[in-house]
């Protein structure tokens, strides 16, 4: 069981427990150093309205959503194909949240990354992230 305060792919988990069956081996990711993890500044969350929605509360939701998108990005940036279930188990985030964060990563304000999707059959899809290495045009 994942305890609060642990880091996943260099990103602290929220204080409350989110996922009871988190595999501990993923706490020690394949990163060489902490600096290998994508940081918040690299995704440039300094602009206002990074996340939005009718129920969005910046103080309450921003830390949780920022942590989710960074954990998903840090896992997926290796270019491996994964199902939502695989990503959820490895990050400790719910599948619905993983799906939402993959959609966010496609948006220009979250880096305009390419998120590929392939049908694995039986209603299962796999996703691959191709990070955008081009600087955003001003």
Protein backbone atom coordinates (compact mmCIF):
# COMPACT_ATOMS: atom_id res chain seq x y z
CA UNK A 1 0.00 0.00 0.00
CA UNK A 2 1.39 3.40 -0.99
CA UNK A 3 1.86 5.68 1.98
CA UNK A 4 1.28 9.41 1.73
CA UNK A 5 4.34 11.57 1.30
CA UNK A 6 6.20 9.09 -0.96
CA UNK A 7 7.45 10.24 -4.33
CA UNK A 8 6.48 8.58 -7.58
CA UNK A 9 8.69 9.41 -10.55
CA UNK A 10 10.08 12.34 -8.56
CA UNK A 11 6.64 13.82 -7.84
CA UNK A 12 5.23 13.80 -4.29
CA UNK A 13 1.94 12.00 -3.86
CA UNK A 14 -1.00 13.87 -2.33
CA UNK A 15 -1.27 13.60 1.45
CA UNK A 16 -4.23 11.25 1.29
CA UNK A 17 -3.93 7.68 0.03
CA UNK A 18 -5.13 7.36 -3.55
CA UNK A 19 -4.43 3.78 -4.62
CA UNK A 20 -4.34 0.73 -2.35
CA UNK A 21 -2.58 -1.71 -4.68
CA UNK A 22 0.37 0.41 -5.77
CA UNK A 23 3.33 -1.82 -6.72
CA UNK A 24 6.30 -0.78 -4.60
CA UNK A 25 8.88 -1.63 -7.27
CA UNK A 26 7.75 1.41 -9.22
CA UNK A 27 8.78 3.76 -6.43
CA UNK A 28 12.34 3.06 -7.58
CA UNK A 29 11.93 3.99 -11.21
CA UNK A 30 14.56 3.65 -13.91
CA UNK A 31 15.61 7.29 -13.50
CA UNK A 32 19.34 7.70 -12.97
CA UNK A 33 18.94 10.74 -10.71
CA UNK A 34 16.18 12.92 -9.32
CA UNK A 35 17.05 15.53 -11.95
CA UNK A 36 16.05 13.05 -14.68
CA UNK A 37 12.41 13.49 -13.68
CA UNK A 38 10.43 16.14 -15.53
CA UNK A 39 9.96 19.07 -13.21
CA UNK A 40 7.00 21.38 -12.90
CA UNK A 41 9.02 24.23 -14.39
CA UNK A 42 9.86 22.17 -17.49
CA UNK A 43 6.15 21.86 -18.23
CA UNK A 44 5.82 25.61 -17.56
CA UNK A 45 2.88 25.72 -15.19
CA UNK A 46 3.64 29.38 -14.45
CA UNK A 47 0.91 30.72 -16.70
CA UNK A 48 -2.59 31.16 -15.28
CA UNK A 49 -5.43 28.73 -16.02
CA UNK A 50 -3.29 25.67 -16.60
CA UNK A 51 -6.20 23.49 -15.53
CA UNK A 52 -9.78 24.63 -15.79
CA UNK A 53 -13.38 23.51 -15.58
CA UNK A 54 -16.62 24.46 -13.92
CA UNK A 55 -15.71 22.71 -10.64
CA UNK A 56 -12.01 23.60 -10.69
CA UNK A 57 -10.71 25.15 -7.45
CA UNK A 58 -7.10 26.26 -7.94
CA UNK A 59 -6.01 25.94 -4.29
CA UNK A 60 -7.60 22.52 -3.85
CA UNK A 61 -7.09 20.98 -7.29
CA UNK A 62 -3.84 22.42 -8.69
CA UNK A 63 -1.40 20.44 -6.49
CA UNK A 64 -3.25 17.17 -7.14
CA UNK A 65 -3.63 17.66 -10.90
CA UNK A 66 -0.09 18.99 -11.33
CA UNK A 67 1.25 15.93 -9.52
CA UNK A 68 -0.81 13.62 -11.71
CA UNK A 69 0.30 15.13 -15.01
CA UNK A 70 3.95 15.12 -13.95
CA UNK A 71 3.81 11.47 -12.81
CA UNK A 72 2.13 10.44 -16.08
CA UNK A 73 4.62 12.44 -18.15
CA UNK A 74 7.67 11.09 -16.28
CA UNK A 75 6.49 7.51 -16.77
CA UNK A 76 5.40 7.85 -20.39
CA UNK A 77 8.29 9.90 -21.76
CA UNK A 78 10.27 6.69 -22.32
CA UNK A 79 8.12 6.02 -25.40
CA UNK A 80 6.82 2.63 -24.24
CA UNK A 81 3.27 1.58 -25.13
CA UNK A 82 1.08 1.14 -22.04
CA UNK A 83 -2.59 0.62 -21.22
CA UNK A 84 -4.43 2.99 -18.90
CA UNK A 85 -4.37 0.22 -16.31
CA UNK A 86 -0.59 -0.12 -16.60
CA UNK A 87 -0.11 3.64 -16.24
CA UNK A 88 -2.51 3.79 -13.28
CA UNK A 89 -0.71 0.98 -11.45
CA UNK A 90 2.70 2.49 -12.06
CA UNK A 91 1.76 6.05 -11.04
CA UNK A 92 -0.78 5.25 -8.33
CA UNK A 93 -3.37 7.50 -9.99
CA UNK A 94 -6.89 6.41 -11.03
CA UNK A 95 -7.38 5.33 -14.67
CA UNK A 96 -9.86 8.16 -15.33
CA UNK A 97 -7.29 10.68 -14.11
CA UNK A 98 -4.57 9.10 -16.25
CA UNK A 99 -6.82 9.34 -19.30
CA UNK A 100 -7.55 13.00 -18.56
CA UNK A 101 -3.85 13.79 -18.12
CA UNK A 102 -2.96 12.10 -21.42
CA UNK A 103 -5.56 14.34 -23.10
CA UNK A 104 -4.07 17.37 -21.35
CA UNK A 105 -0.57 16.52 -22.60
CA UNK A 106 -1.83 16.93 -26.18
CA UNK A 107 -2.91 20.54 -25.51
CA UNK A 108 -0.55 23.42 -26.34
CA UNK A 109 -0.70 24.78 -22.79
CA UNK A 110 0.63 21.44 -21.52
CA UNK A 111 3.38 21.06 -24.12
CA UNK A 112 1.55 19.93 -27.29
CA UNK A 113 3.02 16.45 -26.96
CA UNK A 114 1.98 13.67 -29.30
CA UNK A 115 -0.02 10.96 -27.54
CA UNK A 116 -0.45 7.96 -29.81
CA UNK A 117 -3.22 5.43 -29.31
CA UNK A 118 -3.45 1.90 -30.69
CA UNK A 119 -6.25 -0.62 -30.42
CA UNK A 120 -5.04 -3.75 -28.64
CA UNK A 121 -8.37 -5.52 -29.19
CA UNK A 122 -11.25 -6.34 -26.91
CA UNK A 123 -11.85 -2.68 -26.09
CA UNK A 124 -8.31 -2.24 -24.74
CA UNK A 125 -6.11 0.58 -25.99
CA UNK A 126 -2.41 1.28 -25.49
CA UNK A 127 -0.89 4.75 -25.38
CA UNK A 128 2.54 6.08 -26.26
CA UNK A 129 3.88 9.55 -25.52
CA UNK A 130 6.20 11.26 -27.99
CA UNK A 131 7.47 14.32 -26.11
CA UNK A 132 7.46 17.61 -27.99
CA UNK A 133 11.04 18.88 -28.09
CA UNK A 134 10.25 22.07 -29.98
CA UNK A 135 10.11 25.26 -27.89
CA UNK A 136 6.71 26.92 -27.80
CA UNK A 137 6.41 29.90 -30.13
CA UNK A 138 5.59 33.17 -28.40
